[in-house]
Amino acid sequence: MDQKAQVTSLADLDGRAVITVSDAASLLGICRSAAYEAVRRHQLPVIRIGSRMFVPVPRLLALLTGQPVTPDGYPVAVDAQ
């Protein structure tokens, strides 16, 4: 089995819909336990699939860039007018 590539920069997110909480921690420069604590406090957005948790890349990028989000945490679409 191939070893998963570690997410260490925003460029590593290209084309990915979700990343693991551990990858988000690495990207944010925090320890894994701090990332899971942020999930518990609803400070880091996640979706759950079975027993696994994933961080949606669009929601993470919106959080990092300060882009407005909808009440459920998704980036607000900006009209190109």
PDB file of N, CA and C in Angstrom:
ATOM      1  N   MET A   1       0.842  -1.178   0.000  1.00  0.00           N
ATOM      2  CA  MET A   1       0.000   0.000   0.000  1.00  0.00           C
ATOM      3  C   MET A   1       0.887   1.241   0.000  1.00  0.00           C
ATOM      4  N   ASP A   2       0.467   2.245  -0.793  1.00  0.00           N
ATOM      5  CA  ASP A   2       1.238   3.483  -0.882  1.00  0.00           C
ATOM      6  C   ASP A   2       1.087   4.306   0.388  1.00  0.00           C
ATOM      7  N   GLN A   3       2.163   4.982   0.756  1.00  0.00           N
ATOM      8  CA  GLN A   3       2.140   5.907   1.896  1.00  0.00           C
ATOM      9  C   GLN A   3       1.400   7.168   1.464  1.00  0.00           C
ATOM     10  N   LYS A   4       0.515   7.696   2.317  1.00  0.00           N
ATOM     11  CA  LYS A   4      -0.218   8.920   2.002  1.00  0.00           C
ATOM     12  C   LYS A   4       0.723  10.114   2.045  1.00  0.00           C
ATOM     13  N   ALA A   5       0.514  11.053   1.140  1.00  0.00           N
ATOM     14  CA  ALA A   5       1.298  12.280   1.133  1.00  0.00           C
ATOM     15  C   ALA A   5       0.817  13.194   2.253  1.00  0.00           C
ATOM     16  N   GLN A   6       1.741  13.750   2.996  1.00  0.00           N
ATOM     17  CA  GLN A   6       1.419  14.676   4.087  1.00  0.00           C
ATOM     18  C   GLN A   6       1.052  16.036   3.503  1.00  0.00           C
ATOM     19  N   VAL A   7       0.004  16.640   4.030  1.00  0.00           N
ATOM     20  CA  VAL A   7      -0.400  17.984   3.614  1.00  0.00           C
ATOM     21  C   VAL A   7       0.398  18.981   4.442  1.00  0.00           C
ATOM     22  N   THR A   8       1.252  19.755   3.780  1.00  0.00           N
ATOM     23  CA  THR A   8       2.089  20.707   4.499  1.00  0.00           C
ATOM     24  C   THR A   8       1.958  22.136   3.982  1.00  0.00           C
ATOM     25  N   SER A   9       1.249  22.304   2.850  1.00  0.00           N
ATOM     26  CA  SER A   9       1.063  23.652   2.314  1.00  0.00           C
ATOM     27  C   SER A   9      -0.281  23.724   1.599  1.00  0.00           C
ATOM     28  N   LEU A  10      -0.743  24.940   1.346  1.00  0.00           N
ATOM     29  CA  LEU A  10      -2.000  25.121   0.639  1.00  0.00           C
ATOM     30  C   LEU A  10      -1.958  24.510  -0.756  1.00  0.00           C
ATOM     31  N   ALA A  11      -0.774  24.470  -1.368  1.00  0.00           N
ATOM     32  CA  ALA A  11      -0.636  23.873  -2.697  1.00  0.00           C
ATOM     33  C   ALA A  11      -0.980  22.384  -2.678  1.00  0.00           C
ATOM     34  N   ASP A  12      -0.774  21.729  -1.536  1.00  0.00           N
ATOM     35  CA  ASP A  12      -1.083  20.299  -1.410  1.00  0.00           C
ATOM     36  C   ASP A  12      -2.587  20.030  -1.418  1.00  0.00           C
ATOM     37  N   LEU A  13      -3.402  21.076  -1.280  1.00  0.00           N
ATOM     38  CA  LEU A  13      -4.852  20.911  -1.240  1.00  0.00           C
ATOM     39  C   LEU A  13      -5.477  20.884  -2.624  1.00  0.00           C
ATOM     40  N   ASP A  14      -4.715  21.233  -3.638  1.00  0.00           N
ATOM     41  CA  ASP A  14      -5.237  21.350  -4.992  1.00  0.00           C
ATOM     42  C   ASP A  14      -5.963  20.071  -5.419  1.00  0.00           C
ATOM     43  N   GLY A  15      -7.239  20.233  -5.741  1.00  0.00           N
ATOM     44  CA  GLY A  15      -8.022  19.115  -6.240  1.00  0.00           C
ATOM     45  C   GLY A  15      -8.610  18.203  -5.179  1.00  0.00           C
ATOM     46  N   ARG A  16      -8.375  18.490  -3.918  1.00  0.00           N
ATOM     47  CA  ARG A  16      -8.901  17.636  -2.851  1.00  0.00           C
ATOM     48  C   ARG A  16     -10.175  18.240  -2.277  1.00  0.00           C
ATOM     49  N   ALA A  17     -11.157  17.391  -2.018  1.00  0.00           N
ATOM     50  CA  ALA A  17     -12.419  17.844  -1.435  1.00  0.00           C
ATOM     51  C   ALA A  17     -12.338  17.867   0.080  1.00  0.00           C
ATOM     52  N   VAL A  18     -11.633  16.903   0.658  1.00  0.00           N
ATOM     53  CA  VAL A  18     -11.503  16.806   2.110  1.00  0.00           C
ATOM     54  C   VAL A  18     -10.084  16.383   2.465  1.00  0.00           C
ATOM     55  N   ILE A  19      -9.707  16.676   3.714  1.00  0.00           N
ATOM     56  CA  ILE A  19      -8.448  16.184   4.263  1.00  0.00           C
ATOM     57  C   ILE A  19      -8.741  15.635   5.657  1.00  0.00           C
ATOM     58  N   THR A  20      -7.828  14.867   6.184  1.00  0.00           N
ATOM     59  CA  THR A  20      -8.010  14.333   7.526  1.00  0.00           C
ATOM     60  C   THR A  20      -7.763  15.426   8.559  1.00  0.00           C
ATOM     61  N   VAL A  21      -8.240  15.194   9.752  1.00  0.00           N
ATOM     62  CA  VAL A  21      -7.987  16.140  10.847  1.00  0.00           C
ATOM     63  C   VAL A  21      -6.483  16.229  11.100  1.00  0.00           C
ATOM     64  N   SER A  22      -5.780  15.120  10.993  1.00  0.00           N
ATOM     65  CA  SER A  22      -4.322  15.133  11.173  1.00  0.00           C
ATOM     66  C   SER A  22      -3.631  15.987  10.118  1.00  0.00           C
ATOM     67  N   ASP A  23      -4.097  15.881   8.862  1.00  0.00           N
ATOM     68  CA  ASP A  23      -3.533  16.722   7.804  1.00  0.00           C
ATOM     69  C   ASP A  23      -3.829  18.198   8.057  1.00  0.00           C
ATOM     70  N   ALA A  24      -5.032  18.501   8.529  1.00  0.00           N
ATOM     71  CA  ALA A  24      -5.381  19.888   8.857  1.00  0.00           C
ATOM     72  C   ALA A  24      -4.471  20.409   9.964  1.00  0.00           C
ATOM     73  N   ALA A  25      -4.207  19.569  10.957  1.00  0.00           N
ATOM     74  CA  ALA A  25      -3.306  19.966  12.045  1.00  0.00           C
ATOM     75  C   ALA A  25      -1.925  20.303  11.496  1.00  0.00           C
ATOM     76  N   SER A  26      -1.418  19.458  10.615  1.00  0.00           N
ATOM     77  CA  SER A  26      -0.102  19.688  10.016  1.00  0.00           C
ATOM     78  C   SER A  26      -0.088  20.995   9.230  1.00  0.00           C
ATOM     79  N   LEU A  27      -1.136  21.232   8.454  1.00  0.00           N
ATOM     80  CA  LEU A  27      -1.238  22.447   7.655  1.00  0.00           C
ATOM     81  C   LEU A  27      -1.307  23.686   8.533  1.00  0.00           C
ATOM     82  N   LEU A  28      -2.031  23.590   9.651  1.00  0.00           N
ATOM     83  CA  LEU A  28      -2.195  24.725  10.560  1.00  0.00           C
ATOM     84  C   LEU A  28      -1.012  24.914  11.510  1.00  0.00           C
ATOM     85  N   GLY A  29      -0.136  23.932  11.566  1.00  0.00           N
ATOM     86  CA  GLY A  29       1.025  24.030  12.450  1.00  0.00           C
ATOM     87  C   GLY A  29       0.677  23.800  13.906  1.00  0.00           C
ATOM     88  N   ILE A  30      -0.349  22.978  14.148  1.00  0.00           N
ATOM     89  CA  ILE A  30      -0.738  22.639  15.518  1.00  0.00           C
ATOM     90  C   ILE A  30      -0.639  21.128  15.697  1.00  0.00           C
ATOM     91  N   CYS A  31      -0.624  20.681  16.945  1.00  0.00           N
ATOM     92  CA  CYS A  31      -0.548  19.240  17.173  1.00  0.00           C
ATOM     93  C   CYS A  31      -1.910  18.608  16.900  1.00  0.00           C
ATOM     94  N   ARG A  32      -1.890  17.317  16.667  1.00  0.00           N
ATOM     95  CA  ARG A  32      -3.105  16.582  16.344  1.00  0.00           C
ATOM     96  C   ARG A  32      -4.160  16.701  17.436  1.00  0.00           C
ATOM     97  N   SER A  33      -3.735  16.628  18.695  1.00  0.00           N
ATOM     98  CA  SER A  33      -4.706  16.714  19.790  1.00  0.00           C
ATOM     99  C   SER A  33      -5.362  18.097  19.842  1.00  0.00           C
ATOM    100  N   ALA A  34      -4.622  19.144  19.501  1.00  0.00           N
ATOM    101  CA  ALA A  34      -5.203  20.493  19.451  1.00  0.00           C
ATOM    102  C   ALA A  34      -6.228  20.590  18.327  1.00  0.00           C
ATOM    103  N   ALA A  35      -5.969  19.920  17.208  1.00  0.00           N
ATOM    104  CA  ALA A  35      -6.927  19.922  16.099  1.00  0.00           C
ATOM    105  C   ALA A  35      -8.214  19.212  16.503  1.00  0.00           C
ATOM    106  N   TYR A  36      -8.099  18.068  17.176  1.00  0.00           N
ATOM    107  CA  TYR A  36      -9.296  17.356  17.622  1.00  0.00           C
ATOM    108  C   TYR A  36     -10.047  18.155  18.690  1.00  0.00           C
ATOM    109  N   GLU A  37      -9.329  18.897  19.505  1.00  0.00           N
ATOM    110  CA  GLU A  37      -9.977  19.771  20.485  1.00  0.00           C
ATOM    111  C   GLU A  37     -10.729  20.893  19.767  1.00  0.00           C
ATOM    112  N   ALA A  38     -10.141  21.435  18.703  1.00  0.00           N
ATOM    113  CA  ALA A  38     -10.813  22.464  17.908  1.00  0.00           C
ATOM    114  C   ALA A  38     -12.071  21.907  17.253  1.00  0.00           C
ATOM    115  N   VAL A  39     -12.040  20.649  16.833  1.00  0.00           N
ATOM    116  CA  VAL A  39     -13.231  20.001  16.287  1.00  0.00           C
ATOM    117  C   VAL A  39     -14.294  19.903  17.373  1.00  0.00           C
ATOM    118  N   ARG A  40     -13.895  19.474  18.549  1.00  0.00           N
ATOM    119  CA  ARG A  40     -14.837  19.310  19.661  1.00  0.00           C
ATOM    120  C   ARG A  40     -15.513  20.639  20.009  1.00  0.00           C
ATOM    121  N   ARG A  41     -14.754  21.736  19.900  1.00  0.00           N
ATOM    122  CA  ARG A  41     -15.281  23.069  20.228  1.00  0.00           C
ATOM    123  C   ARG A  41     -15.966  23.738  19.033  1.00  0.00           C
ATOM    124  N   HIS A  42     -16.101  23.014  17.926  1.00  0.00           N
ATOM    125  CA  HIS A  42     -16.718  23.529  16.697  1.00  0.00           C
ATOM    126  C   HIS A  42     -15.937  24.701  16.122  1.00  0.00           C
ATOM    127  N   GLN A  43     -14.624  24.723  16.328  1.00  0.00           N
ATOM    128  CA  GLN A  43     -13.762  25.754  15.767  1.00  0.00           C
ATOM    129  C   GLN A  43     -13.130  25.304  14.457  1.00  0.00           C
ATOM    130  N   LEU A  44     -13.133  24.011  14.214  1.00  0.00           N
ATOM    131  CA  LEU A  44     -12.600  23.431  12.983  1.00  0.00           C
ATOM    132  C   LEU A  44     -13.721  22.607  12.363  1.00  0.00           C
ATOM    133  N   PRO A  45     -14.138  22.951  11.136  1.00  0.00           N
ATOM    134  CA  PRO A  45     -15.274  22.261  10.534  1.00  0.00           C
ATOM    135  C   PRO A  45     -14.915  20.837  10.110  1.00  0.00           C
ATOM    136  N   VAL A  46     -15.828  19.912  10.353  1.00  0.00           N
ATOM    137  CA  VAL A  46     -15.632  18.529   9.925  1.00  0.00           C
ATOM    138  C   VAL A  46     -16.937  17.955   9.395  1.00  0.00           C
ATOM    139  N   ILE A  47     -16.781  16.937   8.580  1.00  0.00           N
ATOM    140  CA  ILE A  47     -17.898  16.084   8.217  1.00  0.00           C
ATOM    141  C   ILE A  47     -17.529  14.692   8.705  1.00  0.00           C
ATOM    142  N   ARG A  48     -18.522  13.941   9.092  1.00  0.00           N
ATOM    143  CA  ARG A  48     -18.291  12.586   9.594  1.00  0.00           C
ATOM    144  C   ARG A  48     -18.794  11.585   8.569  1.00  0.00           C
ATOM    145  N   ILE A  49     -17.963  10.617   8.292  1.00  0.00           N
ATOM    146  CA  ILE A  49     -18.327   9.502   7.420  1.00  0.00           C
ATOM    147  C   ILE A  49     -18.023   8.249   8.218  1.00  0.00           C
ATOM    148  N   GLY A  50     -19.101   7.617   8.696  1.00  0.00           N
ATOM    149  CA  GLY A  50     -18.920   6.501   9.613  1.00  0.00           C
ATOM    150  C   GLY A  50     -18.270   7.020  10.876  1.00  0.00           C
ATOM    151  N   SER A  51     -17.194   6.387  11.286  1.00  0.00           N
ATOM    152  CA  SER A  51     -16.486   6.831  12.486  1.00  0.00           C
ATOM    153  C   SER A  51     -15.338   7.791  12.164  1.00  0.00           C
ATOM    154  N   ARG A  52     -15.139   8.087  10.884  1.00  0.00           N
ATOM    155  CA  ARG A  52     -14.036   8.963  10.473  1.00  0.00           C
ATOM    156  C   ARG A  52     -14.499  10.406  10.368  1.00  0.00           C
ATOM    157  N   MET A  53     -13.579  11.324  10.614  1.00  0.00           N
ATOM    158  CA  MET A  53     -13.847  12.755  10.483  1.00  0.00           C
ATOM    159  C   MET A  53     -12.915  13.338   9.425  1.00  0.00           C
ATOM    160  N   PHE A  54     -13.491  14.179   8.570  1.00  0.00           N
ATOM    161  CA  PHE A  54     -12.724  14.839   7.524  1.00  0.00           C
ATOM    162  C   PHE A  54     -13.014  16.332   7.546  1.00  0.00           C
ATOM    163  N   VAL A  55     -12.013  17.115   7.194  1.00  0.00           N
ATOM    164  CA  VAL A  55     -12.153  18.568   7.112  1.00  0.00           C
ATOM    165  C   VAL A  55     -12.394  18.917   5.648  1.00  0.00           C
ATOM    166  N   PRO A  56     -13.555  19.511   5.325  1.00  0.00           N
ATOM    167  CA  PRO A  56     -13.807  19.927   3.939  1.00  0.00           C
ATOM    168  C   PRO A  56     -12.868  21.068   3.551  1.00  0.00           C
ATOM    169  N   VAL A  57     -12.156  20.895   2.460  1.00  0.00           N
ATOM    170  CA  VAL A  57     -11.165  21.882   2.027  1.00  0.00           C
ATOM    171  C   VAL A  57     -11.790  23.261   1.779  1.00  0.00           C
ATOM    172  N   PRO A  58     -12.949  23.368   1.087  1.00  0.00           N
ATOM    173  CA  PRO A  58     -13.513  24.713   0.879  1.00  0.00           C
ATOM    174  C   PRO A  58     -13.831  25.425   2.201  1.00  0.00           C
ATOM    175  N   ARG A  59     -14.323  24.694   3.179  1.00  0.00           N
ATOM    176  CA  ARG A  59     -14.653  25.309   4.470  1.00  0.00           C
ATOM    177  C   ARG A  59     -13.384  25.718   5.210  1.00  0.00           C
ATOM    178  N   LEU A  60     -12.341  24.906   5.122  1.00  0.00           N
ATOM    179  CA  LEU A  60     -11.069  25.244   5.765  1.00  0.00           C
ATOM    180  C   LEU A  60     -10.465  26.493   5.129  1.00  0.00           C
ATOM    181  N   LEU A  61     -10.483  26.560   3.803  1.00  0.00           N
ATOM    182  CA  LEU A  61      -9.936  27.731   3.112  1.00  0.00           C
ATOM    183  C   LEU A  61     -10.726  28.988   3.453  1.00  0.00           C
ATOM    184  N   ALA A  62     -12.055  28.859   3.547  1.00  0.00           N
ATOM    185  CA  ALA A  62     -12.875  30.014   3.930  1.00  0.00           C
ATOM    186  C   ALA A  62     -12.515  30.470   5.332  1.00  0.00           C
ATOM    187  N   LEU A  63     -12.304  29.529   6.219  1.00  0.00           N
ATOM    188  CA  LEU A  63     -11.916  29.850   7.591  1.00  0.00           C
ATOM    189  C   LEU A  63     -10.575  30.572   7.620  1.00  0.00           C
ATOM    190  N   LEU A  64      -9.620  30.090   6.852  1.00  0.00           N
ATOM    191  CA  LEU A  64      -8.271  30.666   6.855  1.00  0.00           C
ATOM    192  C   LEU A  64      -8.209  32.037   6.189  1.00  0.00           C
ATOM    193  N   THR A  65      -9.061  32.263   5.198  1.00  0.00           N
ATOM    194  CA  THR A  65      -9.001  33.525   4.460  1.00  0.00           C
ATOM    195  C   THR A  65      -9.986  34.561   4.968  1.00  0.00           C
ATOM    196  N   GLY A  66     -10.852  34.160   5.892  1.00  0.00           N
ATOM    197  CA  GLY A  66     -11.842  35.087   6.414  1.00  0.00           C
ATOM    198  C   GLY A  66     -12.996  35.322   5.463  1.00  0.00           C
ATOM    199  N   GLN A  67     -13.139  34.464   4.461  1.00  0.00           N
ATOM    200  CA  GLN A  67     -14.244  34.567   3.510  1.00  0.00           C
ATOM    201  C   GLN A  67     -15.564  34.339   4.241  1.00  0.00           C
ATOM    202  N   PRO A  68     -16.600  35.082   3.902  1.00  0.00           N
ATOM    203  CA  PRO A  68     -17.891  34.863   4.552  1.00  0.00           C
ATOM    204  C   PRO A  68     -18.402  33.450   4.288  1.00  0.00           C
ATOM    205  N   VAL A  69     -19.084  32.896   5.284  1.00  0.00           N
ATOM    206  CA  VAL A  69     -19.635  31.549   5.156  1.00  0.00           C
ATOM    207  C   VAL A  69     -21.120  31.564   5.485  1.00  0.00           C
ATOM    208  N   THR A  70     -21.825  30.564   4.988  1.00  0.00           N
ATOM    209  CA  THR A  70     -23.246  30.401   5.278  1.00  0.00           C
ATOM    210  C   THR A  70     -23.385  29.918   6.721  1.00  0.00           C
ATOM    211  N   PRO A  71     -24.606  29.906   7.277  1.00  0.00           N
ATOM    212  CA  PRO A  71     -24.787  29.437   8.651  1.00  0.00           C
ATOM    213  C   PRO A  71     -24.292  28.011   8.898  1.00  0.00           C
ATOM    214  N   ASP A  72     -24.289  27.172   7.846  1.00  0.00           N
ATOM    215  CA  ASP A  72     -23.773  25.811   8.024  1.00  0.00           C
ATOM    216  C   ASP A  72     -22.277  25.709   7.732  1.00  0.00           C
ATOM    217  N   GLY A  73     -21.623  26.845   7.516  1.00  0.00           N
ATOM    218  CA  GLY A  73     -20.168  26.867   7.421  1.00  0.00           C
ATOM    219  C   GLY A  73     -19.572  26.776   6.038  1.00  0.00           C
ATOM    220  N   TYR A  74     -20.381  26.838   4.984  1.00  0.00           N
ATOM    221  CA  TYR A  74     -19.833  26.747   3.647  1.00  0.00           C
ATOM    222  C   TYR A  74     -19.566  28.144   3.081  1.00  0.00           C
ATOM    223  N   PRO A  75     -18.539  28.288   2.229  1.00  0.00           N
ATOM    224  CA  PRO A  75     -18.219  29.605   1.668  1.00  0.00           C
ATOM    225  C   PRO A  75     -19.403  30.191   0.902  1.00  0.00           C
ATOM    226  N   VAL A  76     -19.596  31.500   1.029  1.00  0.00           N
ATOM    227  CA  VAL A  76     -20.648  32.199   0.322  1.00  0.00           C
ATOM    228  C   VAL A  76     -20.176  32.426  -1.112  1.00  0.00           C
ATOM    229  N   ALA A  77     -21.024  32.091  -2.074  1.00  0.00           N
ATOM    230  CA  ALA A  77     -20.687  32.313  -3.474  1.00  0.00           C
ATOM    231  C   ALA A  77     -20.674  33.813  -3.753  1.00  0.00           C
ATOM    232  N   VAL A  78     -19.644  34.266  -4.435  1.00  0.00           N
ATOM    233  CA  VAL A  78     -19.516  35.689  -4.767  1.00  0.00           C
ATOM    234  C   VAL A  78     -19.840  35.837  -6.239  1.00  0.00           C
ATOM    235  N   ASP A  79     -20.813  36.701  -6.556  1.00  0.00           N
ATOM    236  CA  ASP A  79     -21.184  36.950  -7.947  1.00  0.00           C
ATOM    237  C   ASP A  79     -20.070  37.724  -8.631  1.00  0.00           C
ATOM    238  N   ALA A  80     -19.709  37.275  -9.822  1.00  0.00           N
ATOM    239  CA  ALA A  80     -18.672  37.937 -10.613  1.00  0.00           C
ATOM    240  C   ALA A  80     -19.356  38.949 -11.543  1.00  0.00           C
ATOM    241  N   GLN A  81     -19.693  40.127 -11.000  1.00  0.00           N
ATOM    242  CA  GLN A  81     -20.365  41.157 -11.801  1.00  0.00           C
ATOM    243  C   GLN A  81     -19.472  42.322 -12.026  1.00  0.00           C
TER     244      GLN A  81
END
